[in-house]
């Protein structure tokens, strides 16, 4: 999962994506600056500066939010 997220974060052009951890909980990653990859977790920061730490093992799927034009 970490490698898949790294590919999305480094893609050019960047496309926003969501990290889905439950059927009703997903974290939006609108820019590469909103996420930091650590060895076993992803650190996600929102525009207000709030941070969530999500273990890769808790991630159900990744979903691209912005298609290329």
N, C-alpha and C. Protein backbone atom coordinates (compact mmCIF):
# COMPACT_ATOMS: atom_id res chain seq x y z
N UNK A 1 0.82 -1.19 0.00
CA UNK A 1 0.00 0.00 0.00
C UNK A 1 0.87 1.26 0.00
N UNK A 2 1.97 1.22 0.76
CA UNK A 2 2.84 2.40 0.82
C UNK A 2 3.36 2.75 -0.57
N UNK A 3 3.77 1.75 -1.34
CA UNK A 3 4.29 2.00 -2.69
C UNK A 3 3.23 2.60 -3.61
N UNK A 4 2.00 2.14 -3.50
CA UNK A 4 0.91 2.68 -4.32
C UNK A 4 0.66 4.14 -3.98
N UNK A 5 0.66 4.47 -2.68
CA UNK A 5 0.45 5.85 -2.26
C UNK A 5 1.62 6.73 -2.73
N UNK A 6 2.83 6.22 -2.62
CA UNK A 6 4.01 6.98 -3.07
C UNK A 6 3.90 7.30 -4.56
N UNK A 7 3.46 6.34 -5.36
CA UNK A 7 3.29 6.59 -6.79
C UNK A 7 2.27 7.70 -7.04
N UNK A 8 1.16 7.67 -6.30
CA UNK A 8 0.15 8.71 -6.46
C UNK A 8 0.68 10.08 -6.03
N UNK A 9 1.44 10.12 -4.94
CA UNK A 9 1.96 11.39 -4.44
C UNK A 9 3.01 12.00 -5.37
N UNK A 10 3.75 11.17 -6.08
CA UNK A 10 4.81 11.66 -6.96
C UNK A 10 4.40 11.76 -8.42
N UNK A 11 3.18 11.41 -8.75
CA UNK A 11 2.71 11.45 -10.13
C UNK A 11 2.71 12.89 -10.64
N UNK A 12 3.08 13.04 -11.90
CA UNK A 12 3.04 14.34 -12.56
C UNK A 12 2.28 14.19 -13.85
N UNK A 13 1.17 14.86 -14.03
CA UNK A 13 0.61 15.81 -13.08
C UNK A 13 -0.04 15.08 -11.90
N UNK A 14 -0.06 15.77 -10.77
CA UNK A 14 -0.67 15.20 -9.57
C UNK A 14 -2.18 15.16 -9.74
N UNK A 15 -2.79 14.07 -9.29
CA UNK A 15 -4.25 13.95 -9.28
C UNK A 15 -4.67 13.70 -7.84
N UNK A 16 -5.63 14.48 -7.35
CA UNK A 16 -6.09 14.29 -5.99
C UNK A 16 -6.67 12.89 -5.83
N UNK A 17 -6.56 12.36 -4.61
CA UNK A 17 -7.07 11.02 -4.36
C UNK A 17 -7.57 10.92 -2.93
N UNK A 18 -8.28 9.86 -2.66
CA UNK A 18 -8.82 9.61 -1.33
C UNK A 18 -8.24 8.32 -0.78
N UNK A 19 -7.99 8.33 0.51
CA UNK A 19 -7.54 7.14 1.23
C UNK A 19 -8.76 6.65 2.01
N UNK A 20 -9.32 5.54 1.60
CA UNK A 20 -10.53 5.02 2.21
C UNK A 20 -10.16 3.98 3.28
N UNK A 21 -10.64 4.23 4.51
CA UNK A 21 -10.33 3.31 5.61
C UNK A 21 -11.57 2.54 6.07
N UNK A 22 -12.73 3.03 5.72
CA UNK A 22 -13.99 2.38 6.08
C UNK A 22 -15.03 2.80 5.06
N UNK A 23 -16.17 2.15 5.06
CA UNK A 23 -17.21 2.47 4.09
C UNK A 23 -17.66 3.92 4.21
N UNK A 24 -17.60 4.49 5.41
CA UNK A 24 -18.04 5.87 5.60
C UNK A 24 -16.93 6.81 6.08
N UNK A 25 -15.67 6.42 5.88
CA UNK A 25 -14.55 7.28 6.29
C UNK A 25 -13.45 7.23 5.23
N UNK A 26 -13.20 8.39 4.64
CA UNK A 26 -12.13 8.52 3.65
C UNK A 26 -11.45 9.87 3.87
N UNK A 27 -10.15 9.88 3.66
CA UNK A 27 -9.36 11.11 3.79
C UNK A 27 -9.00 11.60 2.39
N UNK A 28 -9.30 12.85 2.11
CA UNK A 28 -8.98 13.45 0.83
C UNK A 28 -7.54 13.96 0.84
N UNK A 29 -6.82 13.69 -0.23
CA UNK A 29 -5.45 14.17 -0.41
C UNK A 29 -5.48 15.09 -1.64
N UNK A 30 -5.76 16.40 -1.42
CA UNK A 30 -5.89 17.30 -2.57
C UNK A 30 -4.57 17.71 -3.21
N UNK A 31 -3.47 17.66 -2.43
CA UNK A 31 -2.14 17.96 -2.96
C UNK A 31 -1.14 17.01 -2.30
N UNK A 32 0.02 16.87 -2.89
CA UNK A 32 1.04 16.00 -2.32
C UNK A 32 1.51 16.51 -0.96
N UNK A 33 1.38 17.80 -0.70
CA UNK A 33 1.80 18.37 0.57
C UNK A 33 0.88 18.00 1.74
N UNK A 34 -0.25 17.39 1.46
CA UNK A 34 -1.20 17.00 2.51
C UNK A 34 -0.89 15.64 3.11
N UNK A 35 0.13 14.96 2.63
CA UNK A 35 0.43 13.61 3.14
C UNK A 35 1.93 13.42 3.29
N UNK A 36 2.27 12.64 4.29
CA UNK A 36 3.66 12.27 4.55
C UNK A 36 3.69 10.77 4.80
N UNK A 37 4.58 10.09 4.10
CA UNK A 37 4.68 8.65 4.26
C UNK A 37 5.76 8.30 5.27
N UNK A 38 5.41 7.49 6.24
CA UNK A 38 6.36 6.93 7.19
C UNK A 38 6.44 5.43 6.93
N UNK A 39 7.21 4.74 7.72
CA UNK A 39 7.43 3.31 7.46
C UNK A 39 6.15 2.49 7.54
N UNK A 40 5.31 2.72 8.55
CA UNK A 40 4.11 1.90 8.73
C UNK A 40 2.81 2.69 8.70
N UNK A 41 2.91 4.02 8.56
CA UNK A 41 1.70 4.87 8.58
C UNK A 41 1.80 5.97 7.54
N UNK A 42 0.64 6.52 7.20
CA UNK A 42 0.57 7.74 6.41
C UNK A 42 0.06 8.83 7.34
N UNK A 43 0.69 9.98 7.30
CA UNK A 43 0.27 11.14 8.10
C UNK A 43 -0.46 12.08 7.14
N UNK A 44 -1.71 12.38 7.45
CA UNK A 44 -2.55 13.19 6.58
C UNK A 44 -2.93 14.46 7.31
N UNK A 45 -2.68 15.60 6.67
CA UNK A 45 -3.01 16.90 7.27
C UNK A 45 -4.07 17.58 6.41
N UNK A 46 -5.09 18.15 7.07
CA UNK A 46 -6.10 18.87 6.30
C UNK A 46 -5.71 20.35 6.20
N UNK A 47 -6.53 21.14 5.52
CA UNK A 47 -6.22 22.55 5.31
C UNK A 47 -6.20 23.36 6.60
N UNK A 48 -6.84 22.86 7.65
CA UNK A 48 -6.87 23.56 8.94
C UNK A 48 -5.68 23.20 9.82
N UNK A 49 -4.87 22.25 9.38
CA UNK A 49 -3.71 21.85 10.16
C UNK A 49 -3.94 20.65 11.06
N UNK A 50 -5.14 20.08 11.01
CA UNK A 50 -5.41 18.88 11.79
C UNK A 50 -4.75 17.68 11.13
N UNK A 51 -4.21 16.80 11.96
CA UNK A 51 -3.44 15.67 11.45
C UNK A 51 -4.09 14.36 11.90
N UNK A 52 -4.15 13.41 10.99
CA UNK A 52 -4.55 12.04 11.31
C UNK A 52 -3.42 11.12 10.90
N UNK A 53 -3.20 10.10 11.70
CA UNK A 53 -2.17 9.10 11.41
C UNK A 53 -2.89 7.79 11.14
N UNK A 54 -2.71 7.27 9.94
CA UNK A 54 -3.44 6.09 9.50
C UNK A 54 -2.45 4.97 9.17
N UNK A 55 -2.55 3.83 9.86
CA UNK A 55 -1.69 2.69 9.50
C UNK A 55 -2.07 2.17 8.11
N UNK A 56 -1.07 1.78 7.34
CA UNK A 56 -1.35 1.24 6.01
C UNK A 56 -2.28 0.02 6.10
N UNK A 57 -2.17 -0.74 7.16
CA UNK A 57 -3.00 -1.94 7.31
C UNK A 57 -4.49 -1.61 7.46
N UNK A 58 -4.82 -0.36 7.79
CA UNK A 58 -6.22 0.04 7.96
C UNK A 58 -6.84 0.54 6.66
N UNK A 59 -6.05 0.73 5.62
CA UNK A 59 -6.54 1.30 4.37
C UNK A 59 -7.21 0.21 3.52
N UNK A 60 -8.46 0.47 3.16
CA UNK A 60 -9.22 -0.47 2.32
C UNK A 60 -8.91 -0.30 0.85
N UNK A 61 -8.87 0.97 0.41
CA UNK A 61 -8.58 1.24 -1.00
C UNK A 61 -8.20 2.69 -1.20
N UNK A 62 -7.63 2.96 -2.38
CA UNK A 62 -7.29 4.31 -2.81
C UNK A 62 -8.18 4.64 -3.99
N UNK A 63 -8.65 5.87 -4.05
CA UNK A 63 -9.57 6.27 -5.11
C UNK A 63 -9.13 7.61 -5.69
N UNK A 64 -8.85 7.66 -6.98
CA UNK A 64 -8.49 8.92 -7.65
C UNK A 64 -9.74 9.78 -7.74
N UNK A 65 -9.60 11.06 -7.35
CA UNK A 65 -10.75 11.97 -7.32
C UNK A 65 -10.81 12.89 -8.51
N UNK A 66 -9.69 13.14 -9.15
CA UNK A 66 -9.61 14.10 -10.23
C UNK A 66 -9.06 13.40 -11.46
N UNK A 67 -9.87 13.31 -12.47
CA UNK A 67 -9.42 12.68 -13.71
C UNK A 67 -8.64 13.68 -14.56
N UNK A 68 -7.74 13.18 -15.35
CA UNK A 68 -6.99 14.05 -16.27
C UNK A 68 -7.92 14.55 -17.36
N UNK A 69 -7.69 15.78 -17.79
CA UNK A 69 -8.53 16.34 -18.85
C UNK A 69 -7.88 16.17 -20.20
